[in-house]
Structures are given as C-alpha cells and as structure tokens.
C-alpha atoms as a PDB file:
ATOM      1  CA  UNK A   1     134.453  19.465  13.297  1.00  0.00           C
ATOM      2  CA  UNK A   2     131.108  17.786  12.651  1.00  0.00           C
ATOM      3  CA  UNK A   3     130.541  17.224  16.365  1.00  0.00           C
ATOM      4  CA  UNK A   4     131.367  20.861  17.087  1.00  0.00           C
ATOM      5  CA  UNK A   5     128.990  22.011  14.352  1.00  0.00           C
ATOM      6  CA  UNK A   6     126.178  19.863  15.731  1.00  0.00           C
ATOM      7  CA  UNK A   7     126.723  21.138  19.254  1.00  0.00           C
ATOM      8  CA  UNK A   8     127.579  24.798  18.674  1.00  0.00           C
ATOM      9  CA  UNK A   9     126.691  25.579  15.039  1.00  0.00           C
ATOM     10  CA  UNK A  10     123.273  26.962  15.939  1.00  0.00           C
ATOM     11  CA  UNK A  11     124.729  29.571  18.273  1.00  0.00           C
ATOM     12  CA  UNK A  12     128.177  30.238  16.833  1.00  0.00           C
ATOM     13  CA  UNK A  13     129.852  30.468  13.454  1.00  0.00           C
ATOM     14  CA  UNK A  14     132.601  27.845  13.247  1.00  0.00           C
ATOM     15  CA  UNK A  15     135.468  28.703  10.966  1.00  0.00           C
ATOM     16  CA  UNK A  16     138.164  26.053  10.471  1.00  0.00           C
ATOM     17  CA  UNK A  17     141.486  26.880   8.797  1.00  0.00           C
ATOM     18  CA  UNK A  18     144.205  24.504   7.637  1.00  0.00           C
ATOM     19  CA  UNK A  19     146.919  27.135   7.874  1.00  0.00           C
ATOM     20  CA  UNK A  20     148.116  29.006  10.938  1.00  0.00           C
ATOM     21  CA  UNK A  21     148.612  32.144   8.904  1.00  0.00           C
ATOM     22  CA  UNK A  22     145.142  31.903   7.337  1.00  0.00           C
ATOM     23  CA  UNK A  23     143.684  31.610  10.811  1.00  0.00           C
ATOM     24  CA  UNK A  24     145.636  34.606  12.116  1.00  0.00           C
ATOM     25  CA  UNK A  25     144.503  36.602   9.079  1.00  0.00           C
ATOM     26  CA  UNK A  26     140.873  35.628   9.772  1.00  0.00           C
ATOM     27  CA  UNK A  27     141.168  36.647  13.432  1.00  0.00           C
ATOM     28  CA  UNK A  28     142.591  40.006  12.335  1.00  0.00           C
ATOM     29  CA  UNK A  29     139.768  40.463   9.817  1.00  0.00           C
ATOM     30  CA  UNK A  30     137.070  39.646  12.387  1.00  0.00           C
ATOM     31  CA  UNK A  31     138.684  41.955  14.921  1.00  0.00           C
ATOM     32  CA  UNK A  32     138.814  44.797  12.361  1.00  0.00           C
ATOM     33  CA  UNK A  33     135.111  44.227  11.620  1.00  0.00           C
ATOM     34  CA  UNK A  34     134.274  44.506  15.322  1.00  0.00           C
ATOM     35  CA  UNK A  35     133.243  40.858  15.624  1.00  0.00           C
ATOM     36  CA  UNK A  36     133.785  38.924  18.852  1.00  0.00           C
ATOM     37  CA  UNK A  37     135.654  35.621  18.883  1.00  0.00           C
ATOM     38  CA  UNK A  38     134.523  33.249  21.613  1.00  0.00           C
ATOM     39  CA  UNK A  39     137.072  30.428  21.255  1.00  0.00           C
ATOM     40  CA  UNK A  40     140.224  29.617  19.317  1.00  0.00           C
ATOM     41  CA  UNK A  41     141.377  25.987  19.140  1.00  0.00           C
ATOM     42  CA  UNK A  42     144.849  25.040  17.935  1.00  0.00           C
ATOM     43  CA  UNK A  43     146.512  21.691  17.517  1.00  0.00           C
ATOM     44  CA  UNK A  44     149.654  21.227  19.582  1.00  0.00           C
ATOM     45  CA  UNK A  45     151.747  20.545  16.462  1.00  0.00           C
ATOM     46  CA  UNK A  46     150.975  22.615  13.382  1.00  0.00           C
ATOM     47  CA  UNK A  47     152.858  22.820  10.055  1.00  0.00           C
ATOM     48  CA  UNK A  48     153.885  26.487  10.267  1.00  0.00           C
ATOM     49  CA  UNK A  49     154.316  26.860  14.040  1.00  0.00           C
ATOM     50  CA  UNK A  50     153.441  25.112  17.266  1.00  0.00           C
ATOM     51  CA  UNK A  51     150.026  25.558  18.827  1.00  0.00           C
ATOM     52  CA  UNK A  52     151.642  27.516  21.638  1.00  0.00           C
ATOM     53  CA  UNK A  53     153.261  29.937  19.201  1.00  0.00           C
ATOM     54  CA  UNK A  54     150.013  30.304  17.268  1.00  0.00           C
ATOM     55  CA  UNK A  55     147.930  31.009  20.364  1.00  0.00           C
ATOM     56  CA  UNK A  56     150.495  33.532  21.584  1.00  0.00           C
ATOM     57  CA  UNK A  57     150.279  35.430  18.285  1.00  0.00           C
ATOM     58  CA  UNK A  58     146.487  35.119  18.231  1.00  0.00           C
ATOM     59  CA  UNK A  59     146.298  36.549  21.762  1.00  0.00           C
ATOM     60  CA  UNK A  60     148.056  39.726  20.626  1.00  0.00           C
ATOM     61  CA  UNK A  61     145.291  40.221  18.033  1.00  0.00           C
ATOM     62  CA  UNK A  62     142.254  39.172  20.096  1.00  0.00           C
ATOM     63  CA  UNK A  63     143.082  39.200  23.825  1.00  0.00           C
ATOM     64  CA  UNK A  64     139.526  38.440  25.013  1.00  0.00           C
ATOM     65  CA  UNK A  65     139.056  35.125  23.173  1.00  0.00           C
ATOM     66  CA  UNK A  66     139.253  31.839  25.050  1.00  0.00           C
ATOM     67  CA  UNK A  67     141.998  29.527  23.804  1.00  0.00           C
ATOM     68  CA  UNK A  68     142.725  25.830  23.951  1.00  0.00           C
ATOM     69  CA  UNK A  69     145.252  23.460  22.470  1.00  0.00           C
ATOM     70  CA  UNK A  70     144.481  19.957  21.234  1.00  0.00           C
ATOM     71  CA  UNK A  71     146.774  17.197  22.447  1.00  0.00           C
ATOM     72  CA  UNK A  72     144.541  14.311  21.404  1.00  0.00           C
ATOM     73  CA  UNK A  73     146.937  12.116  19.390  1.00  0.00           C
ATOM     74  CA  UNK A  74     148.961  11.076  22.430  1.00  0.00           C
ATOM     75  CA  UNK A  75     145.784  10.426  24.436  1.00  0.00           C
ATOM     76  CA  UNK A  76     144.145   8.317  21.757  1.00  0.00           C
ATOM     77  CA  UNK A  77     147.291   6.248  21.263  1.00  0.00           C
ATOM     78  CA  UNK A  78     147.398   5.412  24.993  1.00  0.00           C
ATOM     79  CA  UNK A  79     150.638   7.280  25.437  1.00  0.00           C
ATOM     80  CA  UNK A  80     149.350   9.374  28.304  1.00  0.00           C
ATOM     81  CA  UNK A  81     146.877   8.795  31.062  1.00  0.00           C
ATOM     82  CA  UNK A  82     146.169  12.401  31.875  1.00  0.00           C
ATOM     83  CA  UNK A  83     147.766  15.801  31.777  1.00  0.00           C
ATOM     84  CA  UNK A  84     148.315  18.619  34.216  1.00  0.00           C
ATOM     85  CA  UNK A  85     148.332  22.334  33.650  1.00  0.00           C
ATOM     86  CA  UNK A  86     151.487  24.054  34.736  1.00  0.00           C
ATOM     87  CA  UNK A  87     150.689  27.319  36.525  1.00  0.00           C
END
C-alpha cells in the first residue's frame, strides 16, 4: 500500500479495506455520491469470498472501474513462472 500511495496518492484517493463486504459497501457509497472509481484491486483468496466473486459483485455496482486480482503469493514463492489470461 505504501508503494501505491507514493506513486498514485497525489492524483488518486486510495482506500484499502480488510473486508470484502466493507469494500463493496464503500463502492456503493461512492457510486451513490457520484464519485468515479478508477481501479479496484482484490486478492485472489479473500476471507469472505474469492477475488473473482468479489470483482463480479463489484462490477454490478460500478461497471466502469478497472479491476485486477493479486496472485502474488504463488509468484513470490517461486511456484509459478508466469501466468496467462484465459480469453
């Protein structure tokens, strides 16, 4: 988060949440207030739901936001060399 704040904090408000539901509630609140959301980042495995499930629900609230899923643990543990996107 610190690296993201250093890089993007001057231009964007960064809002981390530890709960999937808290994040979905925040997206709904921002949408209701007419605010734009540029990017939503989710971890692949989350306590309440998977990152895929979270991003699917988030998309129904804010369809124009960009989305990405973190899969870093496997990469940092040398368990994968690369990954491919399935069309």
